Amino acid sequence: MDVCQKSIHIQQLKISYCTNKPDQEDTEEKIEREPVILLHGWGASIQAMLPIYRYLAPSHRVYALDFPGCGESDQPPVPWSAAEYVRLVVDWLDALQISKATFIGHSHGGRVSMMLAAKHPERVRRLVLVDSAGIRTPRNFRYYRRVYFYKVAKRVIALPGIRRRQAALRKRLMKFLGSEDYGSVAPGVMQGTFIRLVNEDLRPLLKQIKAPTLLIWGENDQDTPLGDGKLMEQEIPDAGLVVFKGAGHYSYLDCFPQFCAVISSFLHS
């Protein structure tokens, strides 16, 4: 199935999205097809969600967008927090006249979906969080040691004679510190956005989520550990957790047939 991307201007930004909704549809079609919104992870795009999009398209009205700064969408004017992403999604829903929908969010898309469900419960019918971000890791001695080492190393690689190799050394430093996501983002607005996002902890919002919530996690997820999923299951009032054995951060791709079976059961319950 071909996917045709469209664009719309929201908050003076060009936002790229796709949908299987035809330009004109009859009344019966509108009633039968429940809208499902797909939100991708950090640094990804609509392309990462296409397997889910194609699977759900025959039975649902499916929408997916490129977050600002990703895919074919414009970059935000200043570093954003999760709240700005939520505002953008709500404005996009309004523009497309989608009053309420089921949200499936992976990683950063889960973070945005989580806050949206807590702050705008009237817009969320069901919630599927896949290897979701949003829980800040407790800062221990190891964290502060890494921060100190990074600050010292950053000054060293800025010294005359070393500066010309700064980009390559900085990339190796990020890899060594386990911060490849940060290091892969060009300095500027998106790097500032990344810093704001990873320093936010959405745990206080979990009890405010009223929508039925399905949590899907990879057993071996190293980016958003399984412990985060277990915590969300405890804190979100109506939540259930499914763990895919042997899967990583992209558990929905690692175990796609199982993923499809699980979300089909949840969406039709």
C-alpha atoms as a PDB file:
ATOM      1  CA  MET A   1       0.000   0.000   0.000  1.00  0.00           C
ATOM      2  CA  ASP A   2       1.412   3.364  -1.022  1.00  0.00           C
ATOM      3  CA  VAL A   3       1.566   6.058   1.643  1.00  0.00           C
ATOM      4  CA  CYS A   4       1.101   9.620   0.453  1.00  0.00           C
ATOM      5  CA  GLN A   5       2.541  12.250   2.756  1.00  0.00           C
ATOM      6  CA  LYS A   6       0.769  15.562   3.099  1.00  0.00           C
ATOM      7  CA  SER A   7       1.687  18.775   4.875  1.00  0.00           C
ATOM      8  CA  ILE A   8      -0.155  21.358   6.928  1.00  0.00           C
ATOM      9  CA  HIS A   9       0.965  24.544   8.670  1.00  0.00           C
ATOM     10  CA  ILE A  10       0.564  24.448  12.456  1.00  0.00           C
ATOM     11  CA  GLN A  11       2.021  27.169  14.701  1.00  0.00           C
ATOM     12  CA  GLN A  12       3.756  28.597  11.610  1.00  0.00           C
ATOM     13  CA  LEU A  13       5.567  25.291  11.082  1.00  0.00           C
ATOM     14  CA  LYS A  14       5.174  22.955   8.128  1.00  0.00           C
ATOM     15  CA  ILE A  15       4.106  19.626   9.590  1.00  0.00           C
ATOM     16  CA  SER A  16       4.323  16.504   7.455  1.00  0.00           C
ATOM     17  CA  TYR A  17       1.788  13.739   8.048  1.00  0.00           C
ATOM     18  CA  CYS A  18       0.026  10.863   6.338  1.00  0.00           C
ATOM     19  CA  THR A  19      -3.417   9.328   6.597  1.00  0.00           C
ATOM     20  CA  ASN A  20      -5.500   6.718   4.837  1.00  0.00           C
ATOM     21  CA  LYS A  21      -8.570   8.949   5.131  1.00  0.00           C
ATOM     22  CA  PRO A  22      -9.748   9.867   1.627  1.00  0.00           C
ATOM     23  CA  ASP A  23     -10.444  13.494   0.755  1.00  0.00           C
ATOM     24  CA  GLN A  24     -14.136  12.589   0.556  1.00  0.00           C
ATOM     25  CA  GLU A  25     -15.868   9.761   2.412  1.00  0.00           C
ATOM     26  CA  ASP A  26     -19.480   8.826   3.033  1.00  0.00           C
ATOM     27  CA  THR A  27     -21.203   9.108   6.421  1.00  0.00           C
ATOM     28  CA  GLU A  28     -21.212   5.359   7.073  1.00  0.00           C
ATOM     29  CA  GLU A  29     -17.427   5.185   6.635  1.00  0.00           C
ATOM     30  CA  LYS A  30     -16.896   7.998   9.144  1.00  0.00           C
ATOM     31  CA  ILE A  31     -18.923   6.199  11.802  1.00  0.00           C
ATOM     32  CA  GLU A  32     -17.288   2.793  11.408  1.00  0.00           C
ATOM     33  CA  ARG A  33     -13.598   3.694  11.353  1.00  0.00           C
ATOM     34  CA  GLU A  34     -12.037   4.685  14.651  1.00  0.00           C
ATOM     35  CA  PRO A  35      -9.098   7.111  14.328  1.00  0.00           C
ATOM     36  CA  VAL A  36      -5.680   5.884  15.470  1.00  0.00           C
ATOM     37  CA  ILE A  37      -2.736   8.280  15.836  1.00  0.00           C
ATOM     38  CA  LEU A  38       0.841   6.963  15.478  1.00  0.00           C
ATOM     39  CA  LEU A  39       3.646   8.967  17.104  1.00  0.00           C
ATOM     40  CA  HIS A  40       7.268   8.008  16.377  1.00  0.00           C
ATOM     41  CA  GLY A  41      10.331   8.044  18.602  1.00  0.00           C
ATOM     42  CA  TRP A  42      13.183  10.517  18.958  1.00  0.00           C
ATOM     43  CA  GLY A  43      15.132  11.141  15.759  1.00  0.00           C
ATOM     44  CA  ALA A  44      12.831   8.893  13.719  1.00  0.00           C
ATOM     45  CA  SER A  45       9.969   9.772  11.367  1.00  0.00           C
ATOM     46  CA  ILE A  46       6.719   8.477   9.889  1.00  0.00           C
ATOM     47  CA  GLN A  47       8.793   5.779   8.176  1.00  0.00           C
ATOM     48  CA  ALA A  48       9.453   4.045  11.499  1.00  0.00           C
ATOM     49  CA  MET A  49       5.712   3.642  12.083  1.00  0.00           C
ATOM     50  CA  LEU A  50       4.749   2.439   8.603  1.00  0.00           C
ATOM     51  CA  PRO A  51       4.511  -1.275   9.529  1.00  0.00           C
ATOM     52  CA  ILE A  52       1.859  -0.395  12.150  1.00  0.00           C
ATOM     53  CA  TYR A  53       0.207   2.057   9.758  1.00  0.00           C
ATOM     54  CA  ARG A  54      -0.136  -0.552   7.033  1.00  0.00           C
ATOM     55  CA  TYR A  55      -1.400  -3.193   9.438  1.00  0.00           C
ATOM     56  CA  LEU A  56      -4.163  -0.974  10.859  1.00  0.00           C
ATOM     57  CA  ALA A  57      -5.150   0.813   7.642  1.00  0.00           C
ATOM     58  CA  PRO A  58      -7.760  -1.733   6.465  1.00  0.00           C
ATOM     59  CA  SER A  59      -9.772  -1.417   9.696  1.00  0.00           C
ATOM     60  CA  HIS A  60      -9.050   2.054  11.081  1.00  0.00           C
ATOM     61  CA  ARG A  61      -8.554   5.675  10.080  1.00  0.00           C
ATOM     62  CA  VAL A  62      -4.817   5.907  10.663  1.00  0.00           C
ATOM     63  CA  TYR A  63      -2.800   9.106  11.017  1.00  0.00           C
ATOM     64  CA  ALA A  64       0.940   9.562  11.547  1.00  0.00           C
ATOM     65  CA  LEU A  65       2.993  12.729  11.664  1.00  0.00           C
ATOM     66  CA  ASP A  66       6.631  13.785  11.609  1.00  0.00           C
ATOM     67  CA  PHE A  67       7.378  15.631  14.827  1.00  0.00           C
ATOM     68  CA  PRO A  68       8.954  19.091  14.345  1.00  0.00           C
ATOM     69  CA  GLY A  69      12.640  18.657  13.574  1.00  0.00           C
ATOM     70  CA  CYS A  70      12.106  15.116  12.259  1.00  0.00           C
ATOM     71  CA  GLY A  71      11.349  13.688   8.832  1.00  0.00           C
ATOM     72  CA  GLU A  72       9.931  16.356   6.539  1.00  0.00           C
ATOM     73  CA  SER A  73       8.564  18.674   9.240  1.00  0.00           C
ATOM     74  CA  ASP A  74      10.100  22.050  10.083  1.00  0.00           C
ATOM     75  CA  GLN A  75      12.341  22.447  13.089  1.00  0.00           C
ATOM     76  CA  PRO A  76      10.858  24.209  16.127  1.00  0.00           C
ATOM     77  CA  PRO A  77      12.052  27.829  16.556  1.00  0.00           C
ATOM     78  CA  VAL A  78      13.414  27.220  20.090  1.00  0.00           C
ATOM     79  CA  PRO A  79      14.179  24.129  22.196  1.00  0.00           C
ATOM     80  CA  TRP A  80      10.906  22.427  23.108  1.00  0.00           C
ATOM     81  CA  SER A  81       9.759  20.451  26.125  1.00  0.00           C
ATOM     82  CA  ALA A  82       7.135  17.694  26.061  1.00  0.00           C
ATOM     83  CA  ALA A  83       4.423  20.311  26.690  1.00  0.00           C
ATOM     84  CA  GLU A  84       5.187  22.076  23.384  1.00  0.00           C
ATOM     85  CA  TYR A  85       4.963  18.765  21.514  1.00  0.00           C
ATOM     86  CA  VAL A  86       1.590  18.084  23.135  1.00  0.00           C
ATOM     87  CA  ARG A  87       0.305  21.530  22.147  1.00  0.00           C
ATOM     88  CA  LEU A  88       1.423  20.892  18.565  1.00  0.00           C
ATOM     89  CA  VAL A  89      -0.379  17.527  18.441  1.00  0.00           C
ATOM     90  CA  VAL A  90      -3.585  19.016  19.888  1.00  0.00           C
ATOM     91  CA  ASP A  91      -3.520  21.852  17.334  1.00  0.00           C
ATOM     92  CA  TRP A  92      -2.950  19.280  14.579  1.00  0.00           C
ATOM     93  CA  LEU A  93      -5.911  17.211  15.794  1.00  0.00           C
ATOM     94  CA  ASP A  94      -8.065  20.343  15.785  1.00  0.00           C
ATOM     95  CA  ALA A  95      -6.971  21.223  12.253  1.00  0.00           C
ATOM     96  CA  LEU A  96      -7.903  17.724  11.050  1.00  0.00           C
ATOM     97  CA  GLN A  97     -11.157  17.769  13.073  1.00  0.00           C
ATOM     98  CA  ILE A  98     -10.246  14.710  15.133  1.00  0.00           C
ATOM     99  CA  SER A  99     -12.030  15.090  18.461  1.00  0.00           C
ATOM    100  CA  LYS A 100     -10.906  11.825  20.087  1.00  0.00           C
ATOM    101  CA  ALA A 101      -8.592   8.998  19.061  1.00  0.00           C
ATOM    102  CA  THR A 102      -6.512   6.041  20.145  1.00  0.00           C
ATOM    103  CA  PHE A 103      -2.804   6.908  20.418  1.00  0.00           C
ATOM    104  CA  ILE A 104       0.080   4.523  19.771  1.00  0.00           C
ATOM    105  CA  GLY A 105       3.389   6.114  20.759  1.00  0.00           C
ATOM    106  CA  HIS A 106       6.879   4.643  20.589  1.00  0.00           C
ATOM    107  CA  SER A 107       9.646   6.011  22.846  1.00  0.00           C
ATOM    108  CA  HIS A 108       9.445   9.839  22.548  1.00  0.00           C
ATOM    109  CA  GLY A 109       6.045   9.406  20.899  1.00  0.00           C
ATOM    110  CA  GLY A 110       4.982   7.551  24.033  1.00  0.00           C
ATOM    111  CA  ARG A 111       6.205  10.437  26.174  1.00  0.00           C
ATOM    112  CA  VAL A 112       4.066  12.883  24.206  1.00  0.00           C
ATOM    113  CA  SER A 113       1.056  10.530  24.210  1.00  0.00           C
ATOM    114  CA  MET A 114       1.389  10.053  27.965  1.00  0.00           C
ATOM    115  CA  MET A 115       1.331  13.789  28.717  1.00  0.00           C
ATOM    116  CA  LEU A 116      -1.489  14.346  26.241  1.00  0.00           C
ATOM    117  CA  ALA A 117      -3.600  11.648  27.935  1.00  0.00           C
ATOM    118  CA  ALA A 118      -2.975  13.223  31.346  1.00  0.00           C
ATOM    119  CA  LYS A 119      -3.585  16.839  30.317  1.00  0.00           C
ATOM    120  CA  HIS A 120      -6.298  16.296  27.675  1.00  0.00           C
ATOM    121  CA  PRO A 121      -8.193  13.133  28.697  1.00  0.00           C
ATOM    122  CA  GLU A 122     -11.146  14.098  26.505  1.00  0.00           C
ATOM    123  CA  ARG A 123      -8.958  13.580  23.400  1.00  0.00           C
ATOM    124  CA  VAL A 124      -7.719  10.047  24.193  1.00  0.00           C
ATOM    125  CA  ARG A 125      -9.905   6.950  23.788  1.00  0.00           C
ATOM    126  CA  ARG A 126      -7.178   4.367  24.366  1.00  0.00           C
ATOM    127  CA  LEU A 127      -3.427   4.558  24.874  1.00  0.00           C
ATOM    128  CA  VAL A 128      -0.682   2.209  23.667  1.00  0.00           C
ATOM    129  CA  LEU A 129       2.790   3.017  24.992  1.00  0.00           C
ATOM    130  CA  VAL A 130       5.591   1.083  23.309  1.00  0.00           C
ATOM    131  CA  ASP A 131       9.007   1.195  25.015  1.00  0.00           C
ATOM    132  CA  SER A 132       7.940   4.642  26.142  1.00  0.00           C
ATOM    133  CA  ALA A 133      10.197   7.434  27.329  1.00  0.00           C
ATOM    134  CA  GLY A 134       9.117   9.813  30.079  1.00  0.00           C
ATOM    135  CA  ILE A 135      10.609   8.400  33.288  1.00  0.00           C
ATOM    136  CA  ARG A 136      13.818  10.122  34.305  1.00  0.00           C
ATOM    137  CA  THR A 137      16.538   7.802  35.536  1.00  0.00           C
ATOM    138  CA  PRO A 138      17.581   8.477  39.166  1.00  0.00           C
ATOM    139  CA  ARG A 139      20.866  10.379  39.282  1.00  0.00           C
ATOM    140  CA  ASN A 140      23.513   8.472  41.168  1.00  0.00           C
ATOM    141  CA  PHE A 141      27.248   8.885  41.673  1.00  0.00           C
ATOM    142  CA  ARG A 142      27.922   7.322  38.254  1.00  0.00           C
ATOM    143  CA  TYR A 143      25.810  10.001  36.554  1.00  0.00           C
ATOM    144  CA  TYR A 144      27.643  12.894  38.241  1.00  0.00           C
ATOM    145  CA  ARG A 145      31.012  11.284  37.479  1.00  0.00           C
ATOM    146  CA  ARG A 146      30.055  11.099  33.786  1.00  0.00           C
ATOM    147  CA  VAL A 147      28.951  14.739  33.778  1.00  0.00           C
ATOM    148  CA  TYR A 148      32.239  15.835  35.366  1.00  0.00           C
ATOM    149  CA  PHE A 149      34.269  13.741  32.916  1.00  0.00           C
ATOM    150  CA  TYR A 150      32.334  15.174  29.969  1.00  0.00           C
ATOM    151  CA  LYS A 151      32.945  18.780  31.062  1.00  0.00           C
ATOM    152  CA  VAL A 152      36.676  18.168  31.454  1.00  0.00           C
ATOM    153  CA  ALA A 153      36.943  16.282  28.145  1.00  0.00           C
ATOM    154  CA  LYS A 154      35.001  19.003  26.302  1.00  0.00           C
ATOM    155  CA  ARG A 155      37.571  21.591  27.402  1.00  0.00           C
ATOM    156  CA  VAL A 156      40.450  19.354  26.384  1.00  0.00           C
ATOM    157  CA  ILE A 157      39.177  18.739  22.836  1.00  0.00           C
ATOM    158  CA  ALA A 158      38.727  22.522  22.418  1.00  0.00           C
ATOM    159  CA  LEU A 159      42.461  23.173  22.939  1.00  0.00           C
ATOM    160  CA  PRO A 160      44.550  24.533  20.032  1.00  0.00           C
ATOM    161  CA  GLY A 161      45.952  21.718  17.917  1.00  0.00           C
ATOM    162  CA  ILE A 162      43.089  19.403  18.853  1.00  0.00           C
ATOM    163  CA  ARG A 163      40.248  21.665  17.739  1.00  0.00           C
ATOM    164  CA  ARG A 164      40.404  20.565  14.089  1.00  0.00           C
ATOM    165  CA  ARG A 165      39.507  17.026  15.184  1.00  0.00           C
ATOM    166  CA  GLN A 166      36.830  18.254  17.585  1.00  0.00           C
ATOM    167  CA  ALA A 167      33.791  16.819  15.750  1.00  0.00           C
ATOM    168  CA  ALA A 168      35.221  13.299  15.490  1.00  0.00           C
ATOM    169  CA  LEU A 169      36.503  13.308  19.069  1.00  0.00           C
ATOM    170  CA  ARG A 170      33.212  14.631  20.365  1.00  0.00           C
ATOM    171  CA  LYS A 171      31.311  11.823  18.617  1.00  0.00           C
ATOM    172  CA  ARG A 172      33.624   9.226  20.151  1.00  0.00           C
ATOM    173  CA  LEU A 173      33.168  10.867  23.544  1.00  0.00           C
ATOM    174  CA  MET A 174      29.369  10.626  23.272  1.00  0.00           C
ATOM    175  CA  LYS A 175      29.629   6.962  22.314  1.00  0.00           C
ATOM    176  CA  PHE A 176      31.955   6.276  25.244  1.00  0.00           C
ATOM    177  CA  LEU A 177      29.548   7.988  27.652  1.00  0.00           C
ATOM    178  CA  GLY A 178      26.538   6.140  26.281  1.00  0.00           C
ATOM    179  CA  SER A 179      24.933   9.324  24.913  1.00  0.00           C
ATOM    180  CA  GLU A 180      24.820   8.579  21.202  1.00  0.00           C
ATOM    181  CA  ASP A 181      21.335  10.085  20.834  1.00  0.00           C
ATOM    182  CA  TYR A 182      22.666  13.402  22.112  1.00  0.00           C
ATOM    183  CA  GLY A 183      25.860  13.210  20.099  1.00  0.00           C
ATOM    184  CA  SER A 184      24.032  12.406  16.869  1.00  0.00           C
ATOM    185  CA  VAL A 185      21.954  15.603  17.055  1.00  0.00           C
ATOM    186  CA  ALA A 186      23.452  18.699  15.444  1.00  0.00           C
ATOM    187  CA  PRO A 187      24.195  21.476  17.969  1.00  0.00           C
ATOM    188  CA  GLY A 188      21.381  23.998  18.223  1.00  0.00           C
ATOM    189  CA  VAL A 189      17.640  23.814  18.716  1.00  0.00           C
ATOM    190  CA  MET A 190      17.218  20.032  18.528  1.00  0.00           C
ATOM    191  CA  GLN A 191      20.111  19.356  20.872  1.00  0.00           C
ATOM    192  CA  GLY A 192      18.598  21.836  23.309  1.00  0.00           C
ATOM    193  CA  THR A 193      15.263  20.058  22.883  1.00  0.00           C
ATOM    194  CA  PHE A 194      16.865  16.694  23.631  1.00  0.00           C
ATOM    195  CA  ILE A 195      18.357  18.068  26.866  1.00  0.00           C
ATOM    196  CA  ARG A 196      14.985  19.452  27.981  1.00  0.00           C
ATOM    197  CA  LEU A 197      13.181  16.202  27.216  1.00  0.00           C
ATOM    198  CA  VAL A 198      15.548  13.811  28.983  1.00  0.00           C
ATOM    199  CA  ASN A 199      15.518  16.005  32.088  1.00  0.00           C
ATOM    200  CA  GLU A 200      11.722  15.875  32.372  1.00  0.00           C
ATOM    201  CA  ASP A 201      10.109  13.276  34.609  1.00  0.00           C
ATOM    202  CA  LEU A 202       6.480  12.553  33.752  1.00  0.00           C
ATOM    203  CA  ARG A 203       5.944  10.142  36.633  1.00  0.00           C
ATOM    204  CA  PRO A 204       3.724  12.657  38.550  1.00  0.00           C
ATOM    205  CA  LEU A 205       1.295  12.584  35.589  1.00  0.00           C
ATOM    206  CA  LEU A 206       0.811   8.816  35.457  1.00  0.00           C
ATOM    207  CA  LYS A 207      -2.050   8.651  37.981  1.00  0.00           C
ATOM    208  CA  GLN A 208      -3.911  11.304  35.954  1.00  0.00           C
ATOM    209  CA  ILE A 209      -4.177   9.046  32.882  1.00  0.00           C
ATOM    210  CA  LYS A 210      -7.778   7.825  32.680  1.00  0.00           C
ATOM    211  CA  ALA A 211      -7.712   6.070  29.301  1.00  0.00           C
ATOM    212  CA  PRO A 212      -7.322   2.264  29.162  1.00  0.00           C
ATOM    213  CA  THR A 213      -3.583   1.805  28.605  1.00  0.00           C
ATOM    214  CA  LEU A 214      -1.616  -1.018  27.008  1.00  0.00           C
ATOM    215  CA  LEU A 215       2.117  -1.059  27.749  1.00  0.00           C
ATOM    216  CA  ILE A 216       4.339  -3.021  25.371  1.00  0.00           C
ATOM    217  CA  TRP A 217       8.020  -3.489  26.208  1.00  0.00           C
ATOM    218  CA  GLY A 218      11.083  -5.269  24.973  1.00  0.00           C
ATOM    219  CA  GLU A 219      12.649  -7.499  27.603  1.00  0.00           C
ATOM    220  CA  ASN A 220      16.131  -6.257  26.646  1.00  0.00           C
ATOM    221  CA  ASP A 221      15.331  -2.579  26.042  1.00  0.00           C
ATOM    222  CA  GLN A 222      18.472  -0.635  26.974  1.00  0.00           C
ATOM    223  CA  ASP A 223      17.127   2.845  26.121  1.00  0.00           C
ATOM    224  CA  THR A 224      13.948   2.802  28.199  1.00  0.00           C
ATOM    225  CA  PRO A 225      14.424  -0.135  30.590  1.00  0.00           C
ATOM    226  CA  LEU A 226      11.685  -2.620  31.358  1.00  0.00           C
ATOM    227  CA  GLY A 227      11.619  -1.228  34.898  1.00  0.00           C
ATOM    228  CA  ASP A 228      10.043   1.944  33.468  1.00  0.00           C
ATOM    229  CA  GLY A 229       7.227  -0.114  32.002  1.00  0.00           C
ATOM    230  CA  LYS A 230       6.644  -1.915  35.287  1.00  0.00           C
ATOM    231  CA  LEU A 231       6.520   1.417  37.099  1.00  0.00           C
ATOM    232  CA  MET A 232       3.961   2.764  34.598  1.00  0.00           C
ATOM    233  CA  GLU A 233       1.843  -0.362  35.053  1.00  0.00           C
ATOM    234  CA  GLN A 234       1.751   0.310  38.801  1.00  0.00           C
ATOM    235  CA  GLU A 235       1.011   4.038  38.525  1.00  0.00           C
ATOM    236  CA  ILE A 236      -1.473   4.275  35.618  1.00  0.00           C
ATOM    237  CA  PRO A 237      -4.922   3.337  36.991  1.00  0.00           C
ATOM    238  CA  ASP A 238      -6.085   1.152  34.073  1.00  0.00           C
ATOM    239  CA  ALA A 239      -2.909  -0.323  32.586  1.00  0.00           C
ATOM    240  CA  GLY A 240      -1.571  -3.710  31.575  1.00  0.00           C
ATOM    241  CA  LEU A 241       1.987  -4.641  30.563  1.00  0.00           C
ATOM    242  CA  VAL A 242       3.018  -7.078  27.816  1.00  0.00           C
ATOM    243  CA  VAL A 243       6.721  -8.006  27.614  1.00  0.00           C
ATOM    244  CA  PHE A 244       8.254  -9.423  24.436  1.00  0.00           C
ATOM    245  CA  LYS A 245      11.011 -11.903  25.194  1.00  0.00           C
ATOM    246  CA  GLY A 246      14.382 -11.095  23.642  1.00  0.00           C
ATOM    247  CA  ALA A 247      13.169  -7.807  22.117  1.00  0.00           C
ATOM    248  CA  GLY A 248      14.961  -4.466  22.393  1.00  0.00           C
ATOM    249  CA  HIS A 249      13.895  -0.823  22.206  1.00  0.00           C
ATOM    250  CA  TYR A 250      12.044  -1.408  18.924  1.00  0.00           C
ATOM    251  CA  SER A 251      10.038  -4.277  20.362  1.00  0.00           C
ATOM    252  CA  TYR A 252       7.184  -3.730  17.913  1.00  0.00           C
ATOM    253  CA  LEU A 253       9.544  -4.463  15.018  1.00  0.00           C
ATOM    254  CA  ASP A 254      11.463  -7.232  16.790  1.00  0.00           C
ATOM    255  CA  CYS A 255       8.227  -9.120  17.451  1.00  0.00           C
ATOM    256  CA  PHE A 256       5.856  -7.678  14.879  1.00  0.00           C
ATOM    257  CA  PRO A 257       3.390 -10.622  14.547  1.00  0.00           C
ATOM    258  CA  GLN A 258       2.982 -10.746  18.335  1.00  0.00           C
ATOM    259  CA  PHE A 259       2.648  -6.955  18.455  1.00  0.00           C
ATOM    260  CA  CYS A 260      -0.151  -7.019  15.866  1.00  0.00           C
ATOM    261  CA  ALA A 261      -2.023  -9.729  17.763  1.00  0.00           C
ATOM    262  CA  VAL A 262      -1.782  -7.824  21.041  1.00  0.00           C
ATOM    263  CA  ILE A 263      -2.905  -4.445  19.698  1.00  0.00           C
ATOM    264  CA  SER A 264      -5.731  -6.035  17.693  1.00  0.00           C
ATOM    265  CA  SER A 265      -7.112  -7.620  20.853  1.00  0.00           C
ATOM    266  CA  PHE A 266      -6.765  -4.318  22.734  1.00  0.00           C
ATOM    267  CA  LEU A 267      -8.340  -2.158  20.019  1.00  0.00           C
ATOM    268  CA  HIS A 268     -11.324  -4.465  19.605  1.00  0.00           C
ATOM    269  CA  SER A 269     -11.920  -5.053  23.320  1.00  0.00           C
END
